Protein backbone atom coordinates (compact mmCIF):
# COMPACT_ATOMS: atom_id res chain seq x y z
CA UNK A 1 2.10 -9.46 -18.71
CA UNK A 2 2.58 -13.23 -18.51
CA UNK A 3 -0.29 -15.72 -18.52
CA UNK A 4 0.18 -16.39 -14.80
CA UNK A 5 0.14 -12.65 -14.03
CA UNK A 6 -3.12 -12.30 -15.93
CA UNK A 7 -4.62 -15.22 -13.99
CA UNK A 8 -3.58 -13.72 -10.65
CA UNK A 9 -4.92 -10.30 -11.57
CA UNK A 10 -8.40 -11.59 -12.43
CA UNK A 11 -8.51 -13.81 -9.35
CA UNK A 12 -7.54 -10.97 -6.99
CA UNK A 13 -9.81 -8.45 -8.73
CA UNK A 14 -12.72 -10.90 -8.49
CA UNK A 15 -12.08 -11.79 -4.86
CA UNK A 16 -11.95 -8.11 -3.90
CA UNK A 17 -15.34 -7.53 -5.53
CA UNK A 18 -16.73 -10.67 -3.88
CA UNK A 19 -15.61 -9.41 -0.46
CA UNK A 20 -17.79 -6.35 -0.99
CA UNK A 21 -20.86 -8.30 -2.11
CA UNK A 22 -21.48 -12.02 -1.78
CA UNK A 23 -24.76 -11.88 -3.73
CA UNK A 24 -23.18 -12.86 -7.02
CA UNK A 25 -19.84 -14.31 -8.10
CA UNK A 26 -18.08 -11.49 -10.04
CA UNK A 27 -17.31 -12.04 -13.71
CA UNK A 28 -13.62 -11.32 -13.08
CA UNK A 29 -13.47 -14.17 -10.54
CA UNK A 30 -15.20 -16.52 -12.96
CA UNK A 31 -12.73 -15.51 -15.67
CA UNK A 32 -9.83 -16.07 -13.30
CA UNK A 33 -11.24 -19.50 -12.49
CA UNK A 34 -11.45 -20.39 -16.20
CA UNK A 35 -7.91 -19.20 -16.92
CA UNK A 36 -6.57 -20.95 -13.81
CA UNK A 37 -8.27 -24.22 -14.79
CA UNK A 38 -6.99 -24.05 -18.37
CA UNK A 39 -3.43 -23.43 -17.17
CA UNK A 40 -3.58 -26.41 -14.79
CA UNK A 41 -4.88 -28.69 -17.53
CA UNK A 42 -2.03 -27.58 -19.80
CA UNK A 43 0.33 -28.67 -17.04
CA UNK A 44 -1.44 -32.03 -16.82
CA UNK A 45 -3.07 -31.28 -13.46
CA UNK A 46 -6.78 -31.59 -12.59
CA UNK A 47 -8.60 -28.21 -12.50
CA UNK A 48 -10.83 -27.01 -9.63
CA UNK A 49 -14.41 -28.01 -10.44
CA UNK A 50 -16.02 -24.90 -8.93
CA UNK A 51 -15.30 -21.73 -6.95
CA UNK A 52 -15.26 -23.62 -3.64
CA UNK A 53 -12.57 -25.97 -4.95
CA UNK A 54 -10.68 -22.98 -6.33
CA UNK A 55 -10.68 -21.25 -2.94
CA UNK A 56 -9.26 -24.36 -1.28
CA UNK A 57 -6.33 -24.29 -3.71
CA UNK A 58 -5.76 -20.55 -3.25
CA UNK A 59 -5.41 -21.07 0.51
CA UNK A 60 -2.30 -23.17 -0.13
CA UNK A 61 1.21 -21.77 -0.81
CA UNK A 62 1.56 -20.96 -4.55
CA UNK A 63 4.29 -23.56 -5.02
CA UNK A 64 1.61 -26.21 -4.41
CA UNK A 65 -0.80 -24.92 -7.08
CA UNK A 66 0.90 -26.52 -10.04
CA UNK A 67 1.38 -23.23 -11.91
CA UNK A 68 4.92 -22.23 -12.94
CA UNK A 69 5.96 -18.74 -11.73
CA UNK A 70 3.09 -18.38 -9.24
CA UNK A 71 5.41 -18.85 -6.25
CA UNK A 72 7.84 -16.27 -7.67
CA UNK A 73 5.10 -13.68 -8.11
CA UNK A 74 3.52 -14.13 -4.67
CA UNK A 75 6.59 -15.35 -2.71
CA UNK A 76 5.51 -18.17 -0.39
CA UNK A 77 2.24 -16.61 0.74
CA UNK A 78 -1.21 -18.01 -0.18
CA UNK A 79 -3.55 -15.78 -2.12
CA UNK A 80 -6.38 -16.25 0.39
CA UNK A 81 -6.00 -16.48 4.19
CA UNK A 82 -8.87 -18.33 5.98
CA UNK A 83 -11.08 -16.07 8.15
CA UNK A 84 -9.06 -13.01 7.06
CA UNK A 85 -9.35 -12.61 3.29
CA UNK A 86 -7.01 -11.73 0.44
CA UNK A 87 -3.37 -11.85 1.52
CA UNK A 88 -1.08 -8.83 1.68
CA UNK A 89 1.20 -10.32 -0.99
CA UNK A 90 -1.78 -10.63 -3.34
CA UNK A 91 -2.76 -6.99 -2.82
CA UNK A 92 0.85 -5.90 -3.41
CA UNK A 93 0.83 -7.80 -6.70
CA UNK A 94 -2.37 -6.06 -7.85
CA UNK A 95 -1.03 -2.63 -6.89
CA UNK A 96 2.15 -3.17 -8.93
CA UNK A 97 0.08 -4.30 -11.90
CA UNK A 98 -2.32 -1.32 -11.78
CA UNK A 99 0.23 1.40 -10.90
CA UNK A 100 3.68 0.21 -12.01
CA UNK A 101 5.45 3.56 -11.56
CA UNK A 102 3.80 5.31 -8.61
CA UNK A 103 2.58 2.47 -6.37
CA UNK A 104 -0.59 4.42 -5.56
CA UNK A 105 -4.14 3.10 -5.59
CA UNK A 106 -6.29 4.59 -8.33
CA UNK A 107 -8.07 7.19 -6.15
CA UNK A 108 -4.80 8.73 -4.91
CA UNK A 109 -3.21 8.33 -8.33
CA UNK A 110 -6.02 10.45 -9.79
CA UNK A 111 -5.23 13.22 -7.29
CA UNK A 112 -1.52 12.98 -8.03
CA UNK A 113 -1.98 13.18 -11.79
CA UNK A 114 -4.39 16.10 -11.55
CA UNK A 115 -2.00 18.10 -9.35
CA UNK A 116 0.99 17.32 -11.57
CA UNK A 117 -0.76 18.09 -14.82
CA UNK A 118 -2.13 21.43 -13.66
CA UNK A 119 -0.29 24.61 -14.73
CA UNK A 120 1.25 25.60 -12.41
CA UNK A 121 1.53 22.33 -10.51
CA UNK A 122 -0.56 22.16 -7.33
CA UNK A 123 2.27 21.24 -4.96
CA UNK A 124 0.77 22.72 -1.80
CA UNK A 125 -2.73 21.43 -2.58
CA UNK A 126 -1.38 17.91 -3.04
CA UNK A 127 0.56 18.08 0.22
CA UNK A 128 -2.54 19.34 2.01
CA UNK A 129 -4.66 16.45 0.69
CA UNK A 130 -2.10 13.77 1.54
CA UNK A 131 -1.76 15.07 5.09
CA UNK A 132 -5.54 15.15 5.51
CA UNK A 133 -5.80 11.50 4.43
CA UNK A 134 -3.04 10.51 6.86
CA UNK A 135 -4.54 12.42 9.79
CA UNK A 136 -8.21 11.57 9.10
CA UNK A 137 -8.58 7.83 8.45
CA UNK A 138 -12.16 8.03 9.76
CA UNK A 139 -14.17 11.26 9.60
CA UNK A 140 -17.61 12.56 10.39
CA UNK A 141 -19.49 14.56 7.78
CA UNK A 142 -18.89 17.81 9.70
CA UNK A 143 -15.13 17.14 9.66
CA UNK A 144 -14.99 16.11 6.03
CA UNK A 145 -17.15 18.75 4.32
CA UNK A 146 -15.18 21.90 5.23
CA UNK A 147 -11.96 20.38 3.95
CA UNK A 148 -13.39 18.93 0.74
CA UNK A 149 -15.26 22.14 -0.06
CA UNK A 150 -12.05 24.15 0.42
CA UNK A 151 -10.74 22.31 -2.65
CA UNK A 152 -13.49 23.75 -4.85
CA UNK A 153 -16.16 21.91 -6.82
CA UNK A 154 -13.85 20.42 -9.46
CA UNK A 155 -11.89 17.21 -9.89
CA UNK A 156 -10.02 17.41 -6.57
CA UNK A 157 -13.28 17.64 -4.64
CA UNK A 158 -14.60 14.50 -6.34
CA UNK A 159 -11.29 12.65 -6.05
CA UNK A 160 -11.01 13.23 -2.29
CA UNK A 161 -14.62 12.10 -1.85
CA UNK A 162 -13.73 8.89 -3.72
CA UNK A 163 -11.03 8.14 -1.14
CA UNK A 164 -13.69 7.50 1.52
CA UNK A 165 -16.58 5.07 1.92
CA UNK A 166 -19.70 5.54 4.02
CA UNK A 167 -19.73 3.20 7.05
CA UNK A 168 -22.54 4.88 8.99
CA UNK A 169 -24.86 1.85 8.99
CA UNK A 170 -22.15 -0.60 10.05
CA UNK A 171 -20.13 1.62 12.40
CA UNK A 172 -21.15 -0.42 15.46
CA UNK A 173 -19.16 -3.45 14.25
CA UNK A 174 -15.88 -1.51 14.27
CA UNK A 175 -13.55 -0.15 16.92
CA UNK A 176 -10.95 2.60 16.57
CA UNK A 177 -7.36 1.51 16.06
CA UNK A 178 -5.35 3.28 18.80
CA UNK A 179 -2.27 3.48 16.53
CA UNK A 180 -3.48 4.63 13.10
CA UNK A 181 -7.11 5.64 13.77
CA UNK A 182 -8.61 3.39 11.07
CA UNK A 183 -11.23 0.70 11.80
CA UNK A 184 -10.54 -2.47 13.75
CA UNK A 185 -12.57 -5.45 12.54
CA UNK A 186 -13.24 -8.57 14.65
CA UNK A 187 -11.94 -11.55 12.68
CA UNK A 188 -10.82 -15.00 13.75
CA UNK A 189 -11.47 -14.26 17.45
CA UNK A 190 -9.45 -11.03 17.59
CA UNK A 191 -9.57 -7.37 16.62
CA UNK A 192 -7.51 -6.73 13.50
CA UNK A 193 -6.43 -3.57 11.70
CA UNK A 194 -6.49 -4.56 8.05
CA UNK A 195 -5.30 -7.87 6.62
CA UNK A 196 -1.83 -7.97 8.19
CA UNK A 197 -2.77 -6.19 11.43
CA UNK A 198 0.49 -4.25 11.28
CA UNK A 199 -0.70 -1.90 14.01
CA UNK A 200 -1.32 -4.83 16.37
CA UNK A 201 2.22 -6.05 15.77
CA UNK A 202 3.76 -2.62 16.34
CA UNK A 203 1.77 -1.66 19.45
CA UNK A 204 -0.07 -3.77 22.01
CA UNK A 205 -3.76 -3.00 22.46
CA UNK A 206 -5.61 -2.44 25.68
CA UNK A 207 -8.72 -4.45 26.40
CA UNK A 208 -10.97 -1.43 26.13
CA UNK A 209 -11.22 -0.17 22.57
CA UNK A 210 -12.94 3.06 21.64
CA UNK A 211 -15.82 3.12 19.18
CA UNK A 212 -17.34 6.05 17.29
CA UNK A 213 -20.06 7.57 19.41
CA UNK A 214 -21.34 9.83 16.68
CA UNK A 215 -24.82 10.54 15.40
CA UNK A 216 -23.41 12.01 12.20
CA UNK A 217 -22.68 10.12 8.98
CA UNK A 218 -19.30 8.39 9.28
CA UNK A 219 -16.72 7.74 6.55
CA UNK A 220 -13.46 5.80 6.47
CA UNK A 221 -10.60 5.57 3.99
CA UNK A 222 -11.03 2.81 1.45
CA UNK A 223 -8.91 -0.22 2.21
CA UNK A 224 -6.33 0.40 -0.53
CA UNK A 225 -5.75 3.98 0.67
CA UNK A 226 -5.48 2.82 4.28
CA UNK A 227 -2.89 0.24 3.23
CA UNK A 228 -0.82 2.20 0.71
CA UNK A 229 -1.29 5.83 1.80
CA UNK A 230 -2.16 5.90 5.52
CA UNK A 231 0.26 3.27 6.87
CA UNK A 232 3.37 4.43 4.98
CA UNK A 233 2.20 8.00 5.58
CA UNK A 234 2.52 7.46 9.33
CA UNK A 235 6.12 6.37 8.76
CA UNK A 236 6.76 9.46 6.62
CA UNK A 237 5.33 11.78 9.28
CA UNK A 238 7.33 10.08 12.04
CA UNK A 239 10.53 10.34 10.00
CA UNK A 240 9.85 14.02 9.32
CA UNK A 241 9.22 14.74 13.00
CA UNK A 242 12.42 12.95 14.06
CA UNK A 243 14.44 14.86 11.48
CA UNK A 244 12.95 18.22 12.47
CA UNK A 245 13.71 17.49 16.13
CA UNK A 246 17.30 16.78 15.09
CA UNK A 247 17.53 20.20 13.49
CA UNK A 248 16.93 19.40 9.83
CA UNK A 249 14.66 21.32 7.49
CA UNK A 250 12.25 18.88 5.84
CA UNK A 251 9.69 19.17 3.04
CA UNK A 252 7.06 16.46 2.60
CA UNK A 253 6.05 15.28 -0.89
CA UNK A 254 8.25 17.80 -2.77
CA UNK A 255 7.49 18.53 -6.43
CA UNK A 256 4.04 16.90 -6.14
CA UNK A 257 5.28 13.65 -4.62
CA UNK A 258 8.36 13.11 -6.75
CA UNK A 259 9.75 11.84 -3.44
CA UNK A 260 8.25 11.47 0.03
CA UNK A 261 10.76 13.58 1.99
CA UNK A 262 13.30 16.23 1.04
CA UNK A 263 15.96 17.07 3.64
CA UNK A 264 17.77 20.33 2.91
CA UNK A 265 21.50 20.01 3.61
CA UNK A 266 22.60 23.54 2.69
CA UNK A 267 23.92 23.51 -0.86
CA UNK A 268 22.05 20.32 -1.79
CA UNK A 269 19.16 18.09 -0.65
CA UNK A 270 18.76 14.42 0.28
CA UNK A 271 15.56 12.68 -0.86
CA UNK A 272 13.80 9.71 0.70
CA UNK A 273 11.13 7.46 -0.80
CA UNK A 274 9.24 5.18 1.61
CA UNK A 275 8.34 1.78 0.14
CA UNK A 276 5.98 -0.32 2.22
CA UNK A 277 5.58 -3.70 0.53
CA UNK A 278 4.61 -6.73 2.59
CA UNK A 279 7.78 -8.65 1.70
CA UNK A 280 11.11 -8.02 -0.07
CA UNK A 281 10.13 -10.17 -3.05
CA UNK A 282 7.21 -7.85 -3.91
CA UNK A 283 9.39 -4.75 -3.67
CA UNK A 284 12.07 -6.29 -5.87
CA UNK A 285 9.40 -7.18 -8.44
CA UNK A 286 8.11 -3.60 -8.34
CA UNK A 287 11.54 -2.22 -9.25
CA UNK A 288 12.52 -4.99 -11.67
CA UNK A 289 9.43 -4.44 -13.83
CA UNK A 290 10.18 -0.75 -14.36
CA UNK A 291 12.22 0.50 -17.28
CA UNK A 292 15.57 2.30 -17.06
CA UNK A 293 13.71 5.56 -17.78
CA UNK A 294 11.18 4.95 -15.00
CA UNK A 295 14.00 4.27 -12.51
CA UNK A 296 15.96 7.33 -13.55
CA UNK A 297 15.03 9.35 -10.47
CA UNK A 298 16.82 6.79 -8.28
CA UNK A 299 20.09 7.20 -10.17
CA UNK A 300 21.01 10.36 -8.24
CA UNK A 301 23.48 9.94 -5.37
CA UNK A 302 21.17 11.90 -3.07
CA UNK A 303 18.15 9.57 -3.38
CA UNK A 304 17.39 6.70 -0.98
CA UNK A 305 14.56 4.18 -0.73
CA UNK A 306 13.53 3.61 2.89
CA UNK A 307 12.02 0.44 4.37
CA UNK A 308 9.70 0.97 7.41
CA UNK A 309 11.01 -0.37 10.69
CA UNK A 310 8.08 -2.76 11.16
CA UNK A 311 9.03 -4.50 7.90
CA UNK A 312 12.61 -4.97 9.11
CA UNK A 313 11.30 -6.46 12.34
CA UNK A 314 9.35 -9.08 10.35
CA UNK A 315 12.11 -9.59 7.78
CA UNK A 316 15.48 -8.81 9.45
CA UNK A 317 17.24 -9.17 6.08
CA UNK A 318 14.64 -7.21 4.10
CA UNK A 319 17.09 -4.68 2.59
CA UNK A 320 19.72 -7.33 1.83
CA UNK A 321 17.13 -9.57 0.15
CA UNK A 322 15.75 -6.79 -2.07
CA UNK A 323 19.24 -5.77 -3.19
CA UNK A 324 20.10 -9.38 -4.00
CA UNK A 325 16.96 -9.77 -6.14
CA UNK A 326 17.31 -6.55 -8.15
CA UNK A 327 18.15 -7.02 -11.82
CA UNK A 328 21.09 -5.26 -13.44
CA UNK A 329 19.10 -2.24 -14.63
CA UNK A 330 17.81 -1.63 -11.08
CA UNK A 331 20.75 -2.58 -8.86
CA UNK A 332 21.92 1.05 -8.52
CA UNK A 333 18.98 1.86 -6.21
CA UNK A 334 20.13 2.80 -2.71
CA UNK A 335 17.96 1.10 -0.08
CA UNK A 336 18.21 1.61 3.67
CA UNK A 337 16.23 0.79 6.82
CA UNK A 338 14.20 3.54 8.48
CA UNK A 339 16.44 3.40 11.56
CA UNK A 340 19.49 4.30 9.41
CA UNK A 341 18.18 7.66 8.14
CA UNK A 342 19.76 9.84 10.82
CA UNK A 343 23.05 7.94 10.74
CA UNK A 344 23.29 8.32 6.98
CA UNK A 345 22.61 12.08 7.19
CA UNK A 346 25.31 12.49 9.84
CA UNK A 347 27.76 10.69 7.55
CA UNK A 348 26.82 13.09 4.74
CA UNK A 349 27.56 16.07 6.99
CA UNK A 350 31.00 14.68 7.90
CA UNK A 351 32.13 14.44 4.26
């Protein structure tokens, strides 16, 4: 990890903790401030005197910070967006740093590792948990308990519990997202679903928004799981449904999530891995930082990385840009847009 990567990690980690509680400035944010200031002084630039001055800098594009490599690591996006919070590019960076191979947040990664390491592997249990998380972004206690208890009292039970946070006392401030079912939060004079408000860009919202009229305790997926499990999970489910309607036999999360989708083609299978990064620069960084061994699963002719349609709509050249940025050891990876899945399968059948 480079010095700039370390600085970014502590800044993002600290800002995430500060979002949860403003009572005290987290130690990780203070450390990030110190490292950031030292790096600026080494470049001959004046450092931010305090956290307020630091935040003003972090709201600017990284190329204006005075730190070499910062713009490359975060593309052209600021680390902090006024009235919204930590940017999507910043969260992508932290995810890559914490989970360089799997691109899962720690709570889901714990479930994945437990199911893989069990003998025999818990393939069906893992699939069951992932589908529950996708279909239940917000749950009441009576909905959550039967499912979690069906997993037993061991590690899986605790890990699934850790995927949710209690929002009972603050439920009145949220509305239900009509697309994904997670919580809409009123920020900067509009209802937003997460930092990027992807759902608001994909589907228009009616004026009337449903709230949770429940007297039971209420829980929602933690933000990282909403962003990196729920949203791409919706794409995975939609792709599966489209393929099944077209007559294909599809398995979700085969071999405990070695890939996201397996399409059986008779004598062989085609595998798809959905990658939902906020911009092509972050996805290229994710692949470039892996070793040849870690990328080995993408060396098969039957494996494709898929970019969600809503990313292509924001970045029309998303796939082209990622391919152009891949280093030599990663440039064999086959990357396609979501809309090209069916066409590619038809071509396979014609060979």
